[in-house]
PDB file of N, CA and C in Angstrom:
ATOM      1  N   MET A   1      36.623  -0.546 -22.595  1.00  0.00           N
ATOM      2  CA  MET A   1      35.468  -1.305 -22.170  1.00  0.00           C
ATOM      3  C   MET A   1      34.211  -0.690 -22.766  1.00  0.00           C
ATOM      4  N   SER A   2      33.345  -1.515 -23.246  1.00  0.00           N
ATOM      5  CA  SER A   2      32.135  -1.062 -23.915  1.00  0.00           C
ATOM      6  C   SER A   2      31.024  -0.756 -22.916  1.00  0.00           C
ATOM      7  N   ASP A   3      30.199   0.252 -23.238  1.00  0.00           N
ATOM      8  CA  ASP A   3      29.042   0.576 -22.409  1.00  0.00           C
ATOM      9  C   ASP A   3      27.812  -0.231 -22.808  1.00  0.00           C
ATOM     10  N   VAL A   4      27.948  -1.063 -23.837  1.00  0.00           N
ATOM     11  CA  VAL A   4      26.822  -1.866 -24.302  1.00  0.00           C
ATOM     12  C   VAL A   4      26.673  -3.073 -23.375  1.00  0.00           C
ATOM     13  N   HIS A   5      25.511  -3.147 -22.756  1.00  0.00           N
ATOM     14  CA  HIS A   5      25.227  -4.257 -21.857  1.00  0.00           C
ATOM     15  C   HIS A   5      24.186  -5.150 -22.505  1.00  0.00           C
ATOM     16  N   ASP A   6      24.531  -6.409 -22.636  1.00  0.00           N
ATOM     17  CA  ASP A   6      23.606  -7.372 -23.240  1.00  0.00           C
ATOM     18  C   ASP A   6      23.203  -8.402 -22.186  1.00  0.00           C
ATOM     19  N   ALA A   7      22.445  -9.391 -22.616  1.00  0.00           N
ATOM     20  CA  ALA A   7      21.955 -10.420 -21.698  1.00  0.00           C
ATOM     21  C   ALA A   7      23.102 -11.164 -21.020  1.00  0.00           C
ATOM     22  N   THR A   8      24.198 -11.356 -21.727  1.00  0.00           N
ATOM     23  CA  THR A   8      25.352 -12.047 -21.137  1.00  0.00           C
ATOM     24  C   THR A   8      25.928 -11.244 -19.978  1.00  0.00           C
ATOM     25  N   TYR A   9      26.028  -9.933 -20.154  1.00  0.00           N
ATOM     26  CA  TYR A   9      26.528  -9.065 -19.085  1.00  0.00           C
ATOM     27  C   TYR A   9      25.620  -9.145 -17.854  1.00  0.00           C
ATOM     28  N   TYR A  10      24.315  -9.030 -18.062  1.00  0.00           N
ATOM     29  CA  TYR A  10      23.377  -9.089 -16.945  1.00  0.00           C
ATOM     30  C   TYR A  10      23.419 -10.448 -16.257  1.00  0.00           C
ATOM     31  N   PHE A  11      23.548 -11.506 -17.056  1.00  0.00           N
ATOM     32  CA  PHE A  11      23.639 -12.859 -16.499  1.00  0.00           C
ATOM     33  C   PHE A  11      24.873 -12.987 -15.616  1.00  0.00           C
ATOM     34  N   LYS A  12      26.002 -12.460 -16.076  1.00  0.00           N
ATOM     35  CA  LYS A  12      27.238 -12.515 -15.278  1.00  0.00           C
ATOM     36  C   LYS A  12      27.070 -11.747 -13.970  1.00  0.00           C
ATOM     37  N   CYS A  13      26.401 -10.601 -14.024  1.00  0.00           N
ATOM     38  CA  CYS A  13      26.149  -9.823 -12.805  1.00  0.00           C
ATOM     39  C   CYS A  13      25.266 -10.609 -11.840  1.00  0.00           C
ATOM     40  N   MET A  14      24.265 -11.285 -12.384  1.00  0.00           N
ATOM     41  CA  MET A  14      23.367 -12.075 -11.538  1.00  0.00           C
ATOM     42  C   MET A  14      24.096 -13.251 -10.894  1.00  0.00           C
ATOM     43  N   ILE A  15      24.910 -13.942 -11.667  1.00  0.00           N
ATOM     44  CA  ILE A  15      25.668 -15.077 -11.121  1.00  0.00           C
ATOM     45  C   ILE A  15      26.683 -14.584 -10.088  1.00  0.00           C
ATOM     46  N   GLY A  16      27.370 -13.496 -10.398  1.00  0.00           N
ATOM     47  CA  GLY A  16      28.325 -12.935  -9.447  1.00  0.00           C
ATOM     48  C   GLY A  16      27.661 -12.528  -8.145  1.00  0.00           C
ATOM     49  N   GLY A  17      26.498 -11.884  -8.241  1.00  0.00           N
ATOM     50  CA  GLY A  17      25.763 -11.488  -7.042  1.00  0.00           C
ATOM     51  C   GLY A  17      25.283 -12.683  -6.254  1.00  0.00           C
ATOM     52  N   SER A  18      24.830 -13.691  -6.963  1.00  0.00           N
ATOM     53  CA  SER A  18      24.357 -14.914  -6.323  1.00  0.00           C
ATOM     54  C   SER A  18      25.492 -15.584  -5.544  1.00  0.00           C
ATOM     55  N   LEU A  19      26.641 -15.699  -6.167  1.00  0.00           N
ATOM     56  CA  LEU A  19      27.790 -16.309  -5.491  1.00  0.00           C
ATOM     57  C   LEU A  19      28.287 -15.459  -4.332  1.00  0.00           C
ATOM     58  N   ALA A  20      28.367 -14.158  -4.554  1.00  0.00           N
ATOM     59  CA  ALA A  20      28.883 -13.267  -3.512  1.00  0.00           C
ATOM     60  C   ALA A  20      28.014 -13.312  -2.254  1.00  0.00           C
ATOM     61  N   CYS A  21      26.723 -13.205  -2.426  1.00  0.00           N
ATOM     62  CA  CYS A  21      25.835 -13.187  -1.262  1.00  0.00           C
ATOM     63  C   CYS A  21      25.640 -14.578  -0.675  1.00  0.00           C
ATOM     64  N   GLY A  22      25.374 -15.558  -1.527  1.00  0.00           N
ATOM     65  CA  GLY A  22      25.093 -16.904  -1.049  1.00  0.00           C
ATOM     66  C   GLY A  22      26.256 -17.522  -0.297  1.00  0.00           C
ATOM     67  N   LEU A  23      27.430 -17.456  -0.871  1.00  0.00           N
ATOM     68  CA  LEU A  23      28.590 -18.107  -0.253  1.00  0.00           C
ATOM     69  C   LEU A  23      29.057 -17.406   1.015  1.00  0.00           C
ATOM     70  N   THR A  24      29.081 -16.084   0.998  1.00  0.00           N
ATOM     71  CA  THR A  24      29.561 -15.376   2.194  1.00  0.00           C
ATOM     72  C   THR A  24      28.603 -15.542   3.368  1.00  0.00           C
ATOM     73  N   HIS A  25      27.302 -15.468   3.106  1.00  0.00           N
ATOM     74  CA  HIS A  25      26.351 -15.640   4.200  1.00  0.00           C
ATOM     75  C   HIS A  25      26.343 -17.080   4.714  1.00  0.00           C
ATOM     76  N   THR A  26      26.506 -18.036   3.819  1.00  0.00           N
ATOM     77  CA  THR A  26      26.544 -19.444   4.232  1.00  0.00           C
ATOM     78  C   THR A  26      27.781 -19.727   5.083  1.00  0.00           C
ATOM     79  N   ALA A  27      28.889 -19.091   4.774  1.00  0.00           N
ATOM     80  CA  ALA A  27      30.114 -19.287   5.549  1.00  0.00           C
ATOM     81  C   ALA A  27      29.964 -18.814   6.995  1.00  0.00           C
ATOM     82  N   ILE A  28      29.038 -17.908   7.249  1.00  0.00           N
ATOM     83  CA  ILE A  28      28.850 -17.352   8.585  1.00  0.00           C
ATOM     84  C   ILE A  28      27.859 -18.173   9.420  1.00  0.00           C
ATOM     85  N   VAL A  29      27.224 -19.176   8.835  1.00  0.00           N
ATOM     86  CA  VAL A  29      26.210 -19.957   9.558  1.00  0.00           C
ATOM     87  C   VAL A  29      26.735 -20.522  10.884  1.00  0.00           C
ATOM     88  N   PRO A  30      27.926 -21.148  10.939  1.00  0.00           N
ATOM     89  CA  PRO A  30      28.380 -21.664  12.244  1.00  0.00           C
ATOM     90  C   PRO A  30      28.497 -20.572  13.317  1.00  0.00           C
ATOM     91  N   LEU A  31      28.915 -19.394  12.925  1.00  0.00           N
ATOM     92  CA  LEU A  31      28.998 -18.282  13.873  1.00  0.00           C
ATOM     93  C   LEU A  31      27.608 -17.900  14.371  1.00  0.00           C
ATOM     94  N   ASP A  32      26.647 -17.881  13.484  1.00  0.00           N
ATOM     95  CA  ASP A  32      25.280 -17.537  13.861  1.00  0.00           C
ATOM     96  C   ASP A  32      24.683 -18.600  14.779  1.00  0.00           C
ATOM     97  N   VAL A  33      24.932 -19.871  14.473  1.00  0.00           N
ATOM     98  CA  VAL A  33      24.443 -20.960  15.331  1.00  0.00           C
ATOM     99  C   VAL A  33      25.048 -20.825  16.722  1.00  0.00           C
ATOM    100  N   MET A  34      26.347 -20.559  16.793  1.00  0.00           N
ATOM    101  CA  MET A  34      27.023 -20.391  18.082  1.00  0.00           C
ATOM    102  C   MET A  34      26.424 -19.222  18.859  1.00  0.00           C
ATOM    103  N   LYS A  35      26.154 -18.115  18.176  1.00  0.00           N
ATOM    104  CA  LYS A  35      25.578 -16.938  18.836  1.00  0.00           C
ATOM    105  C   LYS A  35      24.219 -17.274  19.432  1.00  0.00           C
ATOM    106  N   CYS A  36      23.395 -17.979  18.676  1.00  0.00           N
ATOM    107  CA  CYS A  36      22.059 -18.336  19.162  1.00  0.00           C
ATOM    108  C   CYS A  36      22.140 -19.279  20.352  1.00  0.00           C
ATOM    109  N   LYS A  37      23.045 -20.254  20.289  1.00  0.00           N
ATOM    110  CA  LYS A  37      23.211 -21.187  21.403  1.00  0.00           C
ATOM    111  C   LYS A  37      23.719 -20.462  22.654  1.00  0.00           C
ATOM    112  N   LYS A  38      24.593 -19.507  22.467  1.00  0.00           N
ATOM    113  CA  LYS A  38      25.126 -18.716  23.588  1.00  0.00           C
ATOM    114  C   LYS A  38      24.026 -17.848  24.204  1.00  0.00           C
ATOM    115  N   GLN A  39      23.105 -17.334  23.388  1.00  0.00           N
ATOM    116  CA  GLN A  39      22.004 -16.532  23.909  1.00  0.00           C
ATOM    117  C   GLN A  39      21.058 -17.371  24.757  1.00  0.00           C
ATOM    118  N   VAL A  40      20.870 -18.628  24.380  1.00  0.00           N
ATOM    119  CA  VAL A  40      19.977 -19.522  25.118  1.00  0.00           C
ATOM    120  C   VAL A  40      20.653 -20.040  26.385  1.00  0.00           C
ATOM    121  N   ASP A  41      21.952 -20.375  26.276  1.00  0.00           N
ATOM    122  CA  ASP A  41      22.707 -20.932  27.397  1.00  0.00           C
ATOM    123  C   ASP A  41      23.993 -20.139  27.567  1.00  0.00           C
ATOM    124  N   GLY A  42      24.041 -19.273  28.554  1.00  0.00           N
ATOM    125  CA  GLY A  42      25.196 -18.405  28.777  1.00  0.00           C
ATOM    126  C   GLY A  42      26.484 -19.155  29.059  1.00  0.00           C
ATOM    127  N   THR A  43      26.388 -20.426  29.424  1.00  0.00           N
ATOM    128  CA  THR A  43      27.586 -21.221  29.718  1.00  0.00           C
ATOM    129  C   THR A  43      28.022 -22.069  28.523  1.00  0.00           C
ATOM    130  N   TYR A  44      27.414 -21.875  27.370  1.00  0.00           N
ATOM    131  CA  TYR A  44      27.692 -22.713  26.195  1.00  0.00           C
ATOM    132  C   TYR A  44      29.165 -22.680  25.790  1.00  0.00           C
ATOM    133  N   CYS A  45      29.777 -21.516  25.859  1.00  0.00           N
ATOM    134  CA  CYS A  45      31.175 -21.397  25.455  1.00  0.00           C
ATOM    135  C   CYS A  45      31.824 -20.235  26.190  1.00  0.00           C
ATOM    136  N   LYS A  46      33.177 -20.271  26.195  1.00  0.00           N
ATOM    137  CA  LYS A  46      33.930 -19.207  26.870  1.00  0.00           C
ATOM    138  C   LYS A  46      34.102 -17.979  25.985  1.00  0.00           C
ATOM    139  N   ASN A  47      34.319 -18.212  24.688  1.00  0.00           N
ATOM    140  CA  ASN A  47      34.544 -17.121  23.735  1.00  0.00           C
ATOM    141  C   ASN A  47      34.116 -17.568  22.342  1.00  0.00           C
ATOM    142  N   MET A  48      34.284 -16.701  21.370  1.00  0.00           N
ATOM    143  CA  MET A  48      33.822 -16.987  20.018  1.00  0.00           C
ATOM    144  C   MET A  48      34.525 -18.203  19.406  1.00  0.00           C
ATOM    145  N   ILE A  49      35.836 -18.279  19.539  1.00  0.00           N
ATOM    146  CA  ILE A  49      36.596 -19.400  18.970  1.00  0.00           C
ATOM    147  C   ILE A  49      36.158 -20.707  19.610  1.00  0.00           C
ATOM    148  N   ASP A  50      36.047 -20.720  20.923  1.00  0.00           N
ATOM    149  CA  ASP A  50      35.581 -21.910  21.640  1.00  0.00           C
ATOM    150  C   ASP A  50      34.180 -22.302  21.174  1.00  0.00           C
ATOM    151  N   GLY A  51      33.327 -21.320  20.980  1.00  0.00           N
ATOM    152  CA  GLY A  51      31.957 -21.588  20.558  1.00  0.00           C
ATOM    153  C   GLY A  51      31.877 -22.185  19.172  1.00  0.00           C
ATOM    154  N   ILE A  52      32.655 -21.649  18.231  1.00  0.00           N
ATOM    155  CA  ILE A  52      32.651 -22.184  16.867  1.00  0.00           C
ATOM    156  C   ILE A  52      33.209 -23.605  16.852  1.00  0.00           C
ATOM    157  N   LYS A  53      34.261 -23.863  17.639  1.00  0.00           N
ATOM    158  CA  LYS A  53      34.803 -25.221  17.738  1.00  0.00           C
ATOM    159  C   LYS A  53      33.753 -26.177  18.287  1.00  0.00           C
ATOM    160  N   ARG A  54      33.024 -25.726  19.298  1.00  0.00           N
ATOM    161  CA  ARG A  54      32.002 -26.584  19.903  1.00  0.00           C
ATOM    162  C   ARG A  54      30.861 -26.860  18.922  1.00  0.00           C
ATOM    163  N   VAL A  55      30.429 -25.846  18.211  1.00  0.00           N
ATOM    164  CA  VAL A  55      29.371 -26.028  17.215  1.00  0.00           C
ATOM    165  C   VAL A  55      29.820 -27.039  16.169  1.00  0.00           C
ATOM    166  N   SER A  56      31.061 -26.934  15.702  1.00  0.00           N
ATOM    167  CA  SER A  56      31.587 -27.869  14.703  1.00  0.00           C
ATOM    168  C   SER A  56      31.725 -29.273  15.283  1.00  0.00           C
ATOM    169  N   ARG A  57      32.226 -29.354  16.485  1.00  0.00           N
ATOM    170  CA  ARG A  57      32.423 -30.653  17.136  1.00  0.00           C
ATOM    171  C   ARG A  57      31.094 -31.364  17.390  1.00  0.00           C
ATOM    172  N   ASP A  58      30.075 -30.607  17.797  1.00  0.00           N
ATOM    173  CA  ASP A  58      28.761 -31.182  18.100  1.00  0.00           C
ATOM    174  C   ASP A  58      27.954 -31.496  16.845  1.00  0.00           C
ATOM    175  N   GLY A  59      28.460 -31.111  15.666  1.00  0.00           N
ATOM    176  CA  GLY A  59      27.772 -31.400  14.414  1.00  0.00           C
ATOM    177  C   GLY A  59      26.674 -30.415  14.073  1.00  0.00           C
ATOM    178  N   HIS A  60      26.649 -29.278  14.748  1.00  0.00           N
ATOM    179  CA  HIS A  60      25.613 -28.285  14.496  1.00  0.00           C
ATOM    180  C   HIS A  60      26.063 -27.216  13.499  1.00  0.00           C
ATOM    181  N   SER A  61      27.270 -27.341  12.984  1.00  0.00           N
ATOM    182  CA  SER A  61      27.805 -26.295  12.106  1.00  0.00           C
ATOM    183  C   SER A  61      27.064 -26.215  10.773  1.00  0.00           C
ATOM    184  N   THR A  62      26.315 -27.264  10.428  1.00  0.00           N
ATOM    185  CA  THR A  62      25.603 -27.256   9.158  1.00  0.00           C
ATOM    186  C   THR A  62      24.133 -26.880   9.315  1.00  0.00           C
ATOM    187  N   LEU A  63      23.703 -26.584  10.524  1.00  0.00           N
ATOM    188  CA  LEU A  63      22.314 -26.178  10.735  1.00  0.00           C
ATOM    189  C   LEU A  63      22.006 -24.917   9.940  1.00  0.00           C
ATOM    190  N   GLY A  64      21.014 -24.977   9.111  1.00  0.00           N
ATOM    191  CA  GLY A  64      20.555 -23.799   8.407  1.00  0.00           C
ATOM    192  C   GLY A  64      21.340 -23.385   7.182  1.00  0.00           C
ATOM    193  N   TRP A  65      22.335 -24.158   6.780  1.00  0.00           N
ATOM    194  CA  TRP A  65      23.166 -23.718   5.657  1.00  0.00           C
ATOM    195  C   TRP A  65      22.401 -23.744   4.338  1.00  0.00           C
ATOM    196  N   ALA A  66      21.546 -24.756   4.125  1.00  0.00           N
ATOM    197  CA  ALA A  66      20.856 -24.873   2.829  1.00  0.00           C
ATOM    198  C   ALA A  66      19.888 -23.715   2.587  1.00  0.00           C
ATOM    199  N   PRO A  67      18.983 -23.405   3.541  1.00  0.00           N
ATOM    200  CA  PRO A  67      18.095 -22.268   3.279  1.00  0.00           C
ATOM    201  C   PRO A  67      18.847 -20.941   3.200  1.00  0.00           C
ATOM    202  N   THR A  68      19.943 -20.830   3.937  1.00  0.00           N
ATOM    203  CA  THR A  68      20.754 -19.617   3.870  1.00  0.00           C
ATOM    204  C   THR A  68      21.373 -19.483   2.484  1.00  0.00           C
ATOM    205  N   LEU A  69      21.929 -20.563   1.971  1.00  0.00           N
ATOM    206  CA  LEU A  69      22.548 -20.535   0.648  1.00  0.00           C
ATOM    207  C   LEU A  69      21.525 -20.199  -0.435  1.00  0.00           C
ATOM    208  N   VAL A  70      20.383 -20.856  -0.391  1.00  0.00           N
ATOM    209  CA  VAL A  70      19.354 -20.630  -1.411  1.00  0.00           C
ATOM    210  C   VAL A  70      18.798 -19.208  -1.319  1.00  0.00           C
ATOM    211  N   GLY A  71      18.438 -18.805  -0.116  1.00  0.00           N
ATOM    212  CA  GLY A  71      17.818 -17.490   0.071  1.00  0.00           C
ATOM    213  C   GLY A  71      18.729 -16.330  -0.274  1.00  0.00           C
ATOM    214  N   TYR A  72      19.948 -16.351   0.240  1.00  0.00           N
ATOM    215  CA  TYR A  72      20.863 -15.251  -0.034  1.00  0.00           C
ATOM    216  C   TYR A  72      21.390 -15.274  -1.465  1.00  0.00           C
ATOM    217  N   SER A  73      21.461 -16.467  -2.072  1.00  0.00           N
ATOM    218  CA  SER A  73      21.841 -16.530  -3.486  1.00  0.00           C
ATOM    219  C   SER A  73      20.781 -15.859  -4.345  1.00  0.00           C
ATOM    220  N   ALA A  74      19.513 -16.130  -4.030  1.00  0.00           N
ATOM    221  CA  ALA A  74      18.421 -15.495  -4.777  1.00  0.00           C
ATOM    222  C   ALA A  74      18.422 -13.987  -4.561  1.00  0.00           C
ATOM    223  N   GLN A  75      18.674 -13.578  -3.331  1.00  0.00           N
ATOM    224  CA  GLN A  75      18.720 -12.146  -3.032  1.00  0.00           C
ATOM    225  C   GLN A  75      19.863 -11.470  -3.799  1.00  0.00           C
ATOM    226  N   GLY A  76      21.034 -12.079  -3.809  1.00  0.00           N
ATOM    227  CA  GLY A  76      22.185 -11.517  -4.524  1.00  0.00           C
ATOM    228  C   GLY A  76      21.954 -11.467  -6.021  1.00  0.00           C
ATOM    229  N   LEU A  77      21.319 -12.505  -6.555  1.00  0.00           N
ATOM    230  CA  LEU A  77      20.988 -12.533  -7.974  1.00  0.00           C
ATOM    231  C   LEU A  77      20.126 -11.331  -8.326  1.00  0.00           C
ATOM    232  N   GLY A  78      19.106 -11.092  -7.534  1.00  0.00           N
ATOM    233  CA  GLY A  78      18.209  -9.974  -7.811  1.00  0.00           C
ATOM    234  C   GLY A  78      18.852  -8.624  -7.596  1.00  0.00           C
ATOM    235  N   LYS A  79      19.531  -8.464  -6.482  1.00  0.00           N
ATOM    236  CA  LYS A  79      20.124  -7.163  -6.174  1.00  0.00           C
ATOM    237  C   LYS A  79      21.194  -6.759  -7.175  1.00  0.00           C
ATOM    238  N   PHE A  80      22.117  -7.646  -7.436  1.00  0.00           N
ATOM    239  CA  PHE A  80      23.223  -7.300  -8.327  1.00  0.00           C
ATOM    240  C   PHE A  80      22.760  -7.229  -9.778  1.00  0.00           C
ATOM    241  N   GLY A  81      22.003  -8.222 -10.219  1.00  0.00           N
ATOM    242  CA  GLY A  81      21.573  -8.265 -11.615  1.00  0.00           C
ATOM    243  C   GLY A  81      20.594  -7.168 -11.970  1.00  0.00           C
ATOM    244  N   PHE A  82      19.550  -7.027 -11.169  1.00  0.00           N
ATOM    245  CA  PHE A  82      18.538  -6.028 -11.482  1.00  0.00           C
ATOM    246  C   PHE A  82      19.047  -4.599 -11.274  1.00  0.00           C
ATOM    247  N   TYR A  83      20.015  -4.429 -10.396  1.00  0.00           N
ATOM    248  CA  TYR A  83      20.636  -3.109 -10.239  1.00  0.00           C
ATOM    249  C   TYR A  83      21.243  -2.665 -11.571  1.00  0.00           C
ATOM    250  N   GLU A  84      21.975  -3.549 -12.216  1.00  0.00           N
ATOM    251  CA  GLU A  84      22.589  -3.215 -13.503  1.00  0.00           C
ATOM    252  C   GLU A  84      21.532  -2.977 -14.577  1.00  0.00           C
ATOM    253  N   ILE A  85      20.498  -3.782 -14.571  1.00  0.00           N
ATOM    254  CA  ILE A  85      19.422  -3.593 -15.547  1.00  0.00           C
ATOM    255  C   ILE A  85      18.752  -2.245 -15.350  1.00  0.00           C
ATOM    256  N   PHE A  86      18.404  -1.919 -14.109  1.00  0.00           N
ATOM    257  CA  PHE A  86      17.724  -0.651 -13.837  1.00  0.00           C
ATOM    258  C   PHE A  86      18.611   0.554 -14.138  1.00  0.00           C
ATOM    259  N   LYS A  87      19.915   0.443 -13.910  1.00  0.00           N
ATOM    260  CA  LYS A  87      20.806   1.549 -14.276  1.00  0.00           C
ATOM    261  C   LYS A  87      20.677   1.862 -15.762  1.00  0.00           C
ATOM    262  N   ASP A  88      20.674   0.818 -16.575  1.00  0.00           N
ATOM    263  CA  ASP A  88      20.578   1.021 -18.019  1.00  0.00           C
ATOM    264  C   ASP A  88      19.192   1.504 -18.436  1.00  0.00           C
ATOM    265  N   VAL A  89      18.151   0.978 -17.809  1.00  0.00           N
ATOM    266  CA  VAL A  89      16.779   1.407 -18.132  1.00  0.00           C
ATOM    267  C   VAL A  89      16.618   2.894 -17.837  1.00  0.00           C
ATOM    268  N   TYR A  90      17.038   3.309 -16.651  1.00  0.00           N
ATOM    269  CA  TYR A  90      16.877   4.719 -16.278  1.00  0.00           C
ATOM    270  C   TYR A  90      17.778   5.631 -17.093  1.00  0.00           C
ATOM    271  N   LYS A  91      18.940   5.123 -17.484  1.00  0.00           N
ATOM    272  CA  LYS A  91      19.850   5.911 -18.329  1.00  0.00           C
ATOM    273  C   LYS A  91      19.189   6.195 -19.680  1.00  0.00           C
ATOM    274  N   LYS A  92      18.485   5.207 -20.210  1.00  0.00           N
ATOM    275  CA  LYS A  92      17.777   5.397 -21.482  1.00  0.00           C
ATOM    276  C   LYS A  92      16.628   6.391 -21.327  1.00  0.00           C
ATOM    277  N   ILE A  93      15.988   6.375 -20.178  1.00  0.00           N
ATOM    278  CA  ILE A  93      14.848   7.276 -19.952  1.00  0.00           C
ATOM    279  C   ILE A  93      15.304   8.732 -19.878  1.00  0.00           C
ATOM    280  N   VAL A  94      16.380   9.012 -19.131  1.00  0.00           N
ATOM    281  CA  VAL A  94      16.811  10.401 -18.923  1.00  0.00           C
ATOM    282  C   VAL A  94      17.846  10.866 -19.946  1.00  0.00           C
ATOM    283  N   GLY A  95      18.416   9.945 -20.692  1.00  0.00           N
ATOM    284  CA  GLY A  95      19.435  10.304 -21.669  1.00  0.00           C
ATOM    285  C   GLY A  95      20.829  10.186 -21.078  1.00  0.00           C
ATOM    286  N   ALA A  96      21.792   9.922 -21.936  1.00  0.00           N
ATOM    287  CA  ALA A  96      23.164   9.671 -21.492  1.00  0.00           C
ATOM    288  C   ALA A  96      23.776  10.875 -20.771  1.00  0.00           C
ATOM    289  N   GLU A  97      23.504  12.076 -21.268  1.00  0.00           N
ATOM    290  CA  GLU A  97      24.102  13.271 -20.664  1.00  0.00           C
ATOM    291  C   GLU A  97      23.586  13.477 -19.243  1.00  0.00           C
ATOM    292  N   ASN A  98      22.271  13.424 -19.058  1.00  0.00           N
ATOM    293  CA  ASN A  98      21.702  13.583 -17.719  1.00  0.00           C
ATOM    294  C   ASN A  98      22.093  12.433 -16.801  1.00  0.00           C
ATOM    295  N   ALA A  99      22.157  11.239 -17.358  1.00  0.00           N
ATOM    296  CA  ALA A  99      22.544  10.075 -16.554  1.00  0.00           C
ATOM    297  C   ALA A  99      23.964  10.248 -16.027  1.00  0.00           C
ATOM    298  N   ASP A 100      24.841  10.791 -16.863  1.00  0.00           N
ATOM    299  CA  ASP A 100      26.222  11.017 -16.429  1.00  0.00           C
ATOM    300  C   ASP A 100      26.297  12.154 -15.414  1.00  0.00           C
ATOM    301  N   ARG A 101      25.543  13.205 -15.639  1.00  0.00           N
ATOM    302  CA  ARG A 101      25.559  14.372 -14.749  1.00  0.00           C
ATOM    303  C   ARG A 101      25.014  14.010 -13.355  1.00  0.00           C
ATOM    304  N   TYR A 102      23.973  13.196 -13.312  1.00  0.00           N
ATOM    305  CA  TYR A 102      23.324  12.844 -12.045  1.00  0.00           C
ATOM    306  C   TYR A 102      23.482  11.360 -11.723  1.00  0.00           C
ATOM    307  N   LYS A 103      24.667  10.826 -11.993  1.00  0.00           N
ATOM    308  CA  LYS A 103      24.843   9.390 -11.871  1.00  0.00           C
ATOM    309  C   LYS A 103      24.657   8.872 -10.445  1.00  0.00           C
ATOM    310  N   LYS A 104      25.028   9.636  -9.430  1.00  0.00           N
ATOM    311  CA  LYS A 104      24.837   9.163  -8.050  1.00  0.00           C
ATOM    312  C   LYS A 104      23.355   9.023  -7.720  1.00  0.00           C
ATOM    313  N   VAL A 105      22.545   9.947  -8.210  1.00  0.00           N
ATOM    314  CA  VAL A 105      21.111   9.839  -8.026  1.00  0.00           C
ATOM    315  C   VAL A 105      20.587   8.630  -8.793  1.00  0.00           C
ATOM    316  N   GLY A 106      21.070   8.448 -10.012  1.00  0.00           N
ATOM    317  CA  GLY A 106      20.670   7.304 -10.823  1.00  0.00           C
ATOM    318  C   GLY A 106      21.037   5.975 -10.175  1.00  0.00           C
ATOM    319  N   TRP A 107      22.237   5.914  -9.618  1.00  0.00           N
ATOM    320  CA  TRP A 107      22.661   4.691  -8.925  1.00  0.00           C
ATOM    321  C   TRP A 107      21.757   4.400  -7.724  1.00  0.00           C
ATOM    322  N   SER A 108      21.427   5.455  -6.997  1.00  0.00           N
ATOM    323  CA  SER A 108      20.558   5.280  -5.822  1.00  0.00           C
ATOM    324  C   SER A 108      19.168   4.792  -6.217  1.00  0.00           C
ATOM    325  N   ILE A 109      18.617   5.374  -7.267  1.00  0.00           N
ATOM    326  CA  ILE A 109      17.275   4.967  -7.727  1.00  0.00           C
ATOM    327  C   ILE A 109      17.329   3.531  -8.259  1.00  0.00           C
ATOM    328  N   ALA A 110      18.356   3.187  -9.005  1.00  0.00           N
ATOM    329  CA  ALA A 110      18.496   1.826  -9.531  1.00  0.00           C
ATOM    330  C   ALA A 110      18.648   0.827  -8.382  1.00  0.00           C
ATOM    331  N   SER A 111      19.420   1.205  -7.392  1.00  0.00           N
ATOM    332  CA  SER A 111      19.612   0.335  -6.236  1.00  0.00           C
ATOM    333  C   SER A 111      18.303   0.103  -5.487  1.00  0.00           C
ATOM    334  N   GLY A 112      17.559   1.176  -5.275  1.00  0.00           N
ATOM    335  CA  GLY A 112      16.280   1.053  -4.598  1.00  0.00           C
ATOM    336  C   GLY A 112      15.277   0.246  -5.406  1.00  0.00           C
ATOM    337  N   SER A 113      15.337   0.352  -6.705  1.00  0.00           N
ATOM    338  CA  SER A 113      14.430  -0.412  -7.567  1.00  0.00           C
ATOM    339  C   SER A 113      14.763  -1.903  -7.550  1.00  0.00           C
ATOM    340  N   ALA A 114      16.035  -2.210  -7.478  1.00  0.00           N
ATOM    341  CA  ALA A 114      16.445  -3.622  -7.488  1.00  0.00           C
ATOM    342  C   ALA A 114      16.028  -4.283  -6.203  1.00  0.00           C
TER     343      ALA A 114
END
């Protein structure tokens, strides 16, 4: 595997991050809706499974899915894509030898920058 990262590599990281964050967070929306309804009305459901069934049955399972998908997709795009970009930027600044020697520090700084 090559260490050369080009625009295609960064694009793939951004798309992967977008899908990973956007889809997983969107899948949890019915659970979140059920939790909020249960907090407002303690008698809303008996347990988690009952609550999710009720949310789906009542047609509330799609509440909030669009902004969740858009927002978390954008967040994943930035976090995953820019993390890879910053790793390479900082590696060039400190040199390959130092980057390899202190890679955990480099990963942490790249993560915080993203």
